[in-house]
Amino acid sequence: MKIALIAHDQKKEEMVAFATAYAPVLANHELYATGTTGLRIQEATGLPVHRFQSGPYGGDQEIGAMIARNEMDLVIFFRDPLTAQPHEPDISALMRLCDVYAVPLATNIGTAELLIRALERGDLAWRSIVRGQTKGGEESKTER
């Protein structure tokens, strides 16, 4: 599965701790992250992470584009609800896309732990079926 890992500045340490704790589970999947978050996860865990731009420079939009193409299966986004973000419209758009394309989204460590345990058990295997369809419900030619 393809998993996006995103964290606001005040949540980066929490994301690194989360990725470190669940590195054995994450190692079985393709990881994507915004710039600094991805670098810090790579350094702490040794896991390969495809890094996009930093969030304020378009990283959230790059991940959003993957969601819109139905190429992302899970998003873990540790948001800082107490700090105003200059790219808040991008964040809102990313979360909306998760809803539109039925991509599980965790915005805090409590929900992230539930999703990572579900991932570990195979409970998110239904994403492979969803990935095989376009938003109109027709099968994708690349997924047949």
N, C-alpha and C. Protein backbone atom coordinates (compact mmCIF):
# COMPACT_ATOMS: atom_id res chain seq x y z
N MET A 1 0.83 -1.17 0.00
CA MET A 1 0.00 0.00 0.00
C MET A 1 0.88 1.24 0.00
N LYS A 2 0.33 2.31 -0.52
CA LYS A 2 1.04 3.59 -0.56
C LYS A 2 0.52 4.45 0.59
N ILE A 3 1.46 4.90 1.44
CA ILE A 3 1.11 5.62 2.66
C ILE A 3 1.80 6.98 2.66
N ALA A 4 1.01 8.04 2.89
CA ALA A 4 1.56 9.39 3.01
C ALA A 4 1.72 9.73 4.49
N LEU A 5 2.87 10.27 4.83
CA LEU A 5 3.18 10.70 6.19
C LEU A 5 3.48 12.20 6.17
N ILE A 6 2.67 12.96 6.88
CA ILE A 6 2.78 14.41 6.88
C ILE A 6 2.70 14.88 8.33
N ALA A 7 3.48 15.90 8.68
CA ALA A 7 3.40 16.44 10.04
C ALA A 7 3.75 17.92 10.03
N HIS A 8 2.93 18.70 10.71
CA HIS A 8 3.26 20.11 10.91
C HIS A 8 4.47 20.21 11.82
N ASP A 9 5.12 21.37 11.82
CA ASP A 9 6.38 21.54 12.56
C ASP A 9 6.29 21.09 14.01
N GLN A 10 5.20 21.45 14.71
CA GLN A 10 5.07 21.11 16.12
C GLN A 10 4.75 19.63 16.35
N LYS A 11 4.54 18.88 15.26
CA LYS A 11 4.18 17.46 15.37
C LYS A 11 5.21 16.53 14.74
N LYS A 12 6.32 17.10 14.27
CA LYS A 12 7.32 16.28 13.60
C LYS A 12 7.96 15.24 14.53
N GLU A 13 8.25 15.64 15.76
CA GLU A 13 8.83 14.67 16.71
C GLU A 13 7.87 13.51 16.96
N GLU A 14 6.60 13.84 17.08
CA GLU A 14 5.58 12.81 17.29
C GLU A 14 5.52 11.86 16.09
N MET A 15 5.62 12.41 14.88
CA MET A 15 5.60 11.57 13.68
C MET A 15 6.83 10.67 13.62
N VAL A 16 7.98 11.21 13.97
CA VAL A 16 9.21 10.40 13.96
C VAL A 16 9.08 9.26 14.98
N ALA A 17 8.56 9.57 16.16
CA ALA A 17 8.37 8.53 17.18
C ALA A 17 7.37 7.48 16.69
N PHE A 18 6.31 7.91 16.05
CA PHE A 18 5.31 6.99 15.51
C PHE A 18 5.94 6.09 14.44
N ALA A 19 6.66 6.69 13.49
CA ALA A 19 7.28 5.91 12.41
C ALA A 19 8.33 4.95 12.96
N THR A 20 9.03 5.36 13.99
CA THR A 20 10.02 4.48 14.61
C THR A 20 9.34 3.30 15.29
N ALA A 21 8.28 3.58 16.02
CA ALA A 21 7.55 2.51 16.73
C ALA A 21 6.94 1.51 15.76
N TYR A 22 6.47 1.98 14.62
CA TYR A 22 5.79 1.11 13.67
C TYR A 22 6.63 0.84 12.42
N ALA A 23 7.93 1.03 12.50
CA ALA A 23 8.81 0.78 11.35
C ALA A 23 8.65 -0.63 10.77
N PRO A 24 8.51 -1.67 11.60
CA PRO A 24 8.33 -3.01 11.01
C PRO A 24 7.06 -3.12 10.15
N VAL A 25 6.01 -2.43 10.50
CA VAL A 25 4.78 -2.44 9.69
C VAL A 25 4.98 -1.58 8.45
N LEU A 26 5.51 -0.38 8.64
CA LEU A 26 5.70 0.56 7.53
C LEU A 26 6.68 0.03 6.49
N ALA A 27 7.62 -0.80 6.90
CA ALA A 27 8.63 -1.34 5.99
C ALA A 27 8.02 -2.17 4.87
N ASN A 28 6.82 -2.67 5.07
CA ASN A 28 6.15 -3.50 4.07
C ASN A 28 5.35 -2.69 3.05
N HIS A 29 5.46 -1.38 3.09
CA HIS A 29 4.65 -0.52 2.25
C HIS A 29 5.49 0.58 1.61
N GLU A 30 4.92 1.27 0.61
CA GLU A 30 5.59 2.40 -0.02
C GLU A 30 5.26 3.66 0.76
N LEU A 31 6.30 4.36 1.20
CA LEU A 31 6.10 5.56 2.01
C LEU A 31 6.36 6.82 1.20
N TYR A 32 5.51 7.81 1.42
CA TYR A 32 5.61 9.12 0.79
C TYR A 32 5.49 10.15 1.90
N ALA A 33 6.17 11.26 1.76
CA ALA A 33 6.10 12.28 2.80
C ALA A 33 6.44 13.64 2.22
N THR A 34 6.02 14.67 2.95
CA THR A 34 6.45 16.02 2.62
C THR A 34 7.91 16.15 3.07
N GLY A 35 8.61 17.13 2.52
CA GLY A 35 10.05 17.32 2.63
C GLY A 35 10.76 16.98 3.92
N THR A 36 10.67 17.86 4.90
CA THR A 36 11.40 17.70 6.16
C THR A 36 10.91 16.49 6.94
N THR A 37 9.62 16.26 6.94
CA THR A 37 9.07 15.11 7.65
C THR A 37 9.67 13.83 7.08
N GLY A 38 9.69 13.71 5.77
CA GLY A 38 10.27 12.53 5.13
C GLY A 38 11.73 12.33 5.46
N LEU A 39 12.49 13.42 5.44
CA LEU A 39 13.92 13.34 5.77
C LEU A 39 14.11 12.85 7.20
N ARG A 40 13.36 13.40 8.12
CA ARG A 40 13.50 13.02 9.53
C ARG A 40 13.10 11.56 9.76
N ILE A 41 12.07 11.10 9.05
CA ILE A 41 11.67 9.68 9.16
C ILE A 41 12.76 8.78 8.60
N GLN A 42 13.32 9.15 7.45
CA GLN A 42 14.40 8.37 6.86
C GLN A 42 15.59 8.27 7.81
N GLU A 43 15.99 9.40 8.36
CA GLU A 43 17.15 9.42 9.26
C GLU A 43 16.91 8.59 10.52
N ALA A 44 15.70 8.64 11.06
CA ALA A 44 15.41 7.93 12.31
C ALA A 44 15.18 6.44 12.12
N THR A 45 14.61 6.05 10.97
CA THR A 45 14.22 4.65 10.79
C THR A 45 15.02 3.89 9.75
N GLY A 46 15.64 4.61 8.83
CA GLY A 46 16.33 3.95 7.72
C GLY A 46 15.38 3.47 6.63
N LEU A 47 14.09 3.76 6.78
CA LEU A 47 13.11 3.35 5.77
C LEU A 47 13.21 4.23 4.53
N PRO A 48 13.00 3.67 3.35
CA PRO A 48 12.97 4.50 2.14
C PRO A 48 11.67 5.30 2.11
N VAL A 49 11.79 6.58 1.83
CA VAL A 49 10.63 7.47 1.78
C VAL A 49 10.75 8.34 0.54
N HIS A 50 9.72 8.32 -0.30
CA HIS A 50 9.69 9.25 -1.44
C HIS A 50 9.29 10.61 -0.88
N ARG A 51 10.17 11.59 -1.06
CA ARG A 51 9.93 12.91 -0.47
C ARG A 51 9.44 13.90 -1.52
N PHE A 52 8.35 14.60 -1.17
CA PHE A 52 7.83 15.69 -1.99
C PHE A 52 8.36 17.00 -1.43
N GLN A 53 7.88 18.10 -1.98
CA GLN A 53 8.22 19.42 -1.45
C GLN A 53 7.69 19.54 -0.03
N SER A 54 8.17 20.52 0.69
CA SER A 54 7.62 20.86 1.99
C SER A 54 6.16 21.28 1.78
N GLY A 55 5.31 21.07 2.79
CA GLY A 55 3.89 21.40 2.68
C GLY A 55 3.59 22.78 2.14
N PRO A 56 4.16 23.85 2.74
CA PRO A 56 3.87 25.20 2.26
C PRO A 56 4.35 25.46 0.83
N TYR A 57 5.25 24.61 0.33
CA TYR A 57 5.78 24.79 -1.03
C TYR A 57 5.15 23.83 -2.04
N GLY A 58 4.05 23.20 -1.65
CA GLY A 58 3.32 22.36 -2.60
C GLY A 58 3.30 20.88 -2.29
N GLY A 59 3.96 20.45 -1.25
CA GLY A 59 4.00 19.02 -0.92
C GLY A 59 2.62 18.43 -0.65
N ASP A 60 1.78 19.20 0.05
CA ASP A 60 0.42 18.72 0.31
C ASP A 60 -0.33 18.54 -1.00
N GLN A 61 -0.12 19.45 -1.94
CA GLN A 61 -0.79 19.37 -3.24
C GLN A 61 -0.27 18.19 -4.05
N GLU A 62 1.03 17.89 -3.94
CA GLU A 62 1.57 16.73 -4.65
C GLU A 62 0.95 15.44 -4.14
N ILE A 63 0.79 15.33 -2.84
CA ILE A 63 0.13 14.16 -2.27
C ILE A 63 -1.33 14.15 -2.67
N GLY A 64 -1.97 15.34 -2.67
CA GLY A 64 -3.35 15.45 -3.11
C GLY A 64 -3.53 14.98 -4.55
N ALA A 65 -2.56 15.27 -5.40
CA ALA A 65 -2.63 14.82 -6.79
C ALA A 65 -2.61 13.29 -6.87
N MET A 66 -1.80 12.65 -6.02
CA MET A 66 -1.79 11.18 -6.00
C MET A 66 -3.15 10.64 -5.54
N ILE A 67 -3.73 11.30 -4.56
CA ILE A 67 -5.06 10.88 -4.09
C ILE A 67 -6.07 11.02 -5.21
N ALA A 68 -6.03 12.14 -5.93
CA ALA A 68 -6.98 12.39 -7.02
C ALA A 68 -6.83 11.38 -8.15
N ARG A 69 -5.62 10.83 -8.32
CA ARG A 69 -5.39 9.78 -9.33
C ARG A 69 -5.64 8.39 -8.74
N ASN A 70 -6.13 8.35 -7.50
CA ASN A 70 -6.40 7.10 -6.79
C ASN A 70 -5.13 6.26 -6.62
N GLU A 71 -4.03 6.94 -6.33
CA GLU A 71 -2.73 6.27 -6.17
C GLU A 71 -2.23 6.28 -4.73
N MET A 72 -3.02 6.76 -3.79
CA MET A 72 -2.61 6.79 -2.38
C MET A 72 -3.65 6.00 -1.59
N ASP A 73 -3.18 5.16 -0.66
CA ASP A 73 -4.08 4.28 0.07
C ASP A 73 -4.36 4.71 1.51
N LEU A 74 -3.48 5.48 2.09
CA LEU A 74 -3.63 5.86 3.49
C LEU A 74 -2.85 7.15 3.72
N VAL A 75 -3.44 8.07 4.47
CA VAL A 75 -2.76 9.32 4.81
C VAL A 75 -2.73 9.47 6.32
N ILE A 76 -1.53 9.65 6.84
CA ILE A 76 -1.34 9.95 8.26
C ILE A 76 -0.78 11.36 8.31
N PHE A 77 -1.57 12.27 8.84
CA PHE A 77 -1.25 13.70 8.81
C PHE A 77 -1.39 14.25 10.22
N PHE A 78 -0.27 14.36 10.92
CA PHE A 78 -0.30 14.91 12.27
C PHE A 78 -0.36 16.43 12.17
N ARG A 79 -1.57 16.96 12.35
CA ARG A 79 -1.82 18.38 12.23
C ARG A 79 -1.64 19.07 13.57
N ASP A 80 -1.24 20.31 13.51
CA ASP A 80 -1.15 21.14 14.71
C ASP A 80 -2.36 22.06 14.71
N PRO A 81 -3.41 21.72 15.47
CA PRO A 81 -4.63 22.52 15.43
C PRO A 81 -4.51 23.86 16.17
N LEU A 82 -3.40 24.08 16.87
CA LEU A 82 -3.26 25.30 17.67
C LEU A 82 -2.42 26.38 16.99
N THR A 83 -1.88 26.06 15.81
CA THR A 83 -1.05 27.02 15.10
C THR A 83 -1.64 27.28 13.71
N ALA A 84 -1.84 28.54 13.37
CA ALA A 84 -2.35 28.89 12.04
C ALA A 84 -1.32 28.48 10.99
N GLN A 85 -1.80 27.90 9.90
CA GLN A 85 -0.92 27.45 8.83
C GLN A 85 -1.16 28.32 7.60
N PRO A 86 -0.10 28.86 7.00
CA PRO A 86 -0.28 29.72 5.83
C PRO A 86 -0.87 28.99 4.63
N HIS A 87 -0.72 27.68 4.59
CA HIS A 87 -1.24 26.89 3.46
C HIS A 87 -2.49 26.10 3.87
N GLU A 88 -3.29 26.66 4.76
CA GLU A 88 -4.51 26.00 5.24
C GLU A 88 -5.45 25.57 4.11
N PRO A 89 -5.61 26.37 3.04
CA PRO A 89 -6.47 25.89 1.94
C PRO A 89 -5.97 24.59 1.31
N ASP A 90 -4.66 24.43 1.22
CA ASP A 90 -4.10 23.18 0.69
C ASP A 90 -4.41 22.01 1.61
N ILE A 91 -4.33 22.25 2.91
CA ILE A 91 -4.60 21.21 3.91
C ILE A 91 -6.06 20.79 3.82
N SER A 92 -6.95 21.76 3.74
CA SER A 92 -8.38 21.47 3.62
C SER A 92 -8.67 20.68 2.34
N ALA A 93 -8.01 21.07 1.24
CA ALA A 93 -8.22 20.37 -0.03
C ALA A 93 -7.73 18.93 0.06
N LEU A 94 -6.61 18.71 0.72
CA LEU A 94 -6.08 17.36 0.89
C LEU A 94 -7.06 16.48 1.67
N MET A 95 -7.60 17.01 2.74
CA MET A 95 -8.55 16.25 3.55
C MET A 95 -9.84 16.00 2.78
N ARG A 96 -10.29 16.97 2.00
CA ARG A 96 -11.48 16.79 1.17
C ARG A 96 -11.26 15.69 0.15
N LEU A 97 -10.09 15.65 -0.48
CA LEU A 97 -9.79 14.60 -1.45
C LEU A 97 -9.80 13.22 -0.80
N CYS A 98 -9.32 13.12 0.43
CA CYS A 98 -9.39 11.84 1.14
C CYS A 98 -10.83 11.39 1.28
N ASP A 99 -11.73 12.32 1.56
CA ASP A 99 -13.14 11.98 1.67
C ASP A 99 -13.73 11.58 0.32
N VAL A 100 -13.39 12.33 -0.73
CA VAL A 100 -13.93 12.06 -2.06
C VAL A 100 -13.51 10.68 -2.55
N TYR A 101 -12.25 10.31 -2.32
CA TYR A 101 -11.71 9.06 -2.85
C TYR A 101 -11.65 7.93 -1.81
N ALA A 102 -12.32 8.11 -0.68
CA ALA A 102 -12.39 7.08 0.36
C ALA A 102 -11.00 6.60 0.79
N VAL A 103 -10.11 7.55 1.00
CA VAL A 103 -8.76 7.24 1.49
C VAL A 103 -8.75 7.46 3.00
N PRO A 104 -8.46 6.42 3.78
CA PRO A 104 -8.42 6.60 5.23
C PRO A 104 -7.41 7.68 5.61
N LEU A 105 -7.83 8.55 6.55
CA LEU A 105 -7.04 9.69 6.97
C LEU A 105 -7.00 9.76 8.49
N ALA A 106 -5.80 9.80 9.05
CA ALA A 106 -5.62 10.02 10.48
C ALA A 106 -4.99 11.38 10.67
N THR A 107 -5.55 12.19 11.56
CA THR A 107 -4.98 13.52 11.80
C THR A 107 -4.37 13.63 13.20
N ASN A 108 -4.34 12.52 13.92
CA ASN A 108 -3.71 12.52 15.25
C ASN A 108 -3.20 11.12 15.54
N ILE A 109 -2.35 11.00 16.55
CA ILE A 109 -1.71 9.72 16.83
C ILE A 109 -2.69 8.63 17.25
N GLY A 110 -3.78 9.01 17.92
CA GLY A 110 -4.77 8.01 18.33
C GLY A 110 -5.38 7.30 17.14
N THR A 111 -5.84 8.07 16.16
CA THR A 111 -6.42 7.48 14.96
C THR A 111 -5.35 6.79 14.12
N ALA A 112 -4.16 7.35 14.09
CA ALA A 112 -3.07 6.74 13.32
C ALA A 112 -2.75 5.34 13.85
N GLU A 113 -2.74 5.19 15.16
CA GLU A 113 -2.46 3.87 15.74
C GLU A 113 -3.55 2.87 15.36
N LEU A 114 -4.81 3.30 15.36
CA LEU A 114 -5.89 2.40 14.95
C LEU A 114 -5.72 1.98 13.49
N LEU A 115 -5.39 2.94 12.62
CA LEU A 115 -5.23 2.61 11.21
C LEU A 115 -4.01 1.74 10.96
N ILE A 116 -2.93 1.97 11.67
CA ILE A 116 -1.73 1.17 11.44
C ILE A 116 -1.95 -0.27 11.91
N ARG A 117 -2.72 -0.44 12.98
CA ARG A 117 -3.07 -1.80 13.44
C ARG A 117 -3.99 -2.48 12.43
N ALA A 118 -4.93 -1.72 11.86
CA ALA A 118 -5.81 -2.26 10.82
C ALA A 118 -4.99 -2.66 9.59
N LEU A 119 -4.02 -1.83 9.23
CA LEU A 119 -3.14 -2.12 8.11
C LEU A 119 -2.37 -3.41 8.37
N GLU A 120 -1.87 -3.55 9.58
CA GLU A 120 -1.09 -4.73 9.98
C GLU A 120 -1.94 -6.01 9.87
N ARG A 121 -3.23 -5.91 10.21
CA ARG A 121 -4.13 -7.07 10.16
C ARG A 121 -4.64 -7.35 8.75
N GLY A 122 -4.45 -6.41 7.82
CA GLY A 122 -4.96 -6.59 6.47
C GLY A 122 -6.36 -6.03 6.28
N ASP A 123 -6.85 -5.26 7.25
CA ASP A 123 -8.21 -4.72 7.17
C ASP A 123 -8.38 -3.66 6.08
N LEU A 124 -7.30 -3.15 5.54
CA LEU A 124 -7.41 -2.11 4.51
C LEU A 124 -7.21 -2.67 3.10
N ALA A 125 -7.26 -3.99 2.96
CA ALA A 125 -7.07 -4.62 1.65
C ALA A 125 -8.12 -4.18 0.64
N TRP A 126 -9.27 -3.71 1.11
CA TRP A 126 -10.32 -3.21 0.21
C TRP A 126 -9.84 -2.07 -0.66
N ARG A 127 -8.76 -1.38 -0.26
CA ARG A 127 -8.23 -0.28 -1.07
C ARG A 127 -7.78 -0.78 -2.44
N SER A 128 -7.34 -2.03 -2.55
CA SER A 128 -6.92 -2.55 -3.86
C SER A 128 -8.10 -2.64 -4.81
N ILE A 129 -9.31 -2.87 -4.29
CA ILE A 129 -10.51 -2.88 -5.12
C ILE A 129 -10.85 -1.46 -5.56
N VAL A 130 -10.83 -0.53 -4.60
CA VAL A 130 -11.14 0.88 -4.90
C VAL A 130 -10.12 1.44 -5.89
N ARG A 131 -8.85 1.06 -5.73
CA ARG A 131 -7.81 1.56 -6.62
C ARG A 131 -8.05 1.11 -8.05
N GLY A 132 -8.77 0.00 -8.24
CA GLY A 132 -9.05 -0.53 -9.57
C GLY A 132 -10.22 0.15 -10.25
N GLN A 133 -10.78 1.16 -9.61
CA GLN A 133 -11.92 1.86 -10.19
C GLN A 133 -11.61 3.35 -10.33
N THR A 134 -12.25 3.97 -11.30
CA THR A 134 -12.16 5.42 -11.42
C THR A 134 -13.25 6.02 -10.56
N LYS A 135 -13.28 7.33 -10.40
CA LYS A 135 -14.30 7.96 -9.56
C LYS A 135 -15.70 7.76 -10.11
N GLY A 136 -15.83 7.44 -11.38
CA GLY A 136 -17.14 7.19 -11.96
C GLY A 136 -17.60 5.75 -11.77
N GLY A 137 -16.76 4.89 -11.16
CA GLY A 137 -17.13 3.52 -10.90
C GLY A 137 -16.71 2.55 -11.99
N GLU A 138 -16.10 3.04 -13.07
CA GLU A 138 -15.64 2.17 -14.14
C GLU A 138 -14.25 1.65 -13.80
N GLU A 139 -13.94 0.43 -14.26
CA GLU A 139 -12.62 -0.11 -14.01
C GLU A 139 -11.56 0.69 -14.75
N SER A 140 -10.45 0.88 -14.08
CA SER A 140 -9.33 1.55 -14.70
C SER A 140 -8.62 0.56 -15.62
N LYS A 141 -8.23 0.99 -16.80
CA LYS A 141 -7.55 0.11 -17.74
C LYS A 141 -6.19 -0.33 -17.22
N THR A 142 -5.55 0.50 -16.37
CA THR A 142 -4.23 0.14 -15.86
C THR A 142 -4.32 -0.85 -14.72
N GLU A 143 -5.49 -1.04 -14.13
CA GLU A 143 -5.62 -1.92 -12.98
C GLU A 143 -6.28 -3.24 -13.29
N ARG A 144 -6.63 -3.52 -14.53
CA ARG A 144 -7.31 -4.77 -14.89
C ARG A 144 -6.42 -5.95 -14.77
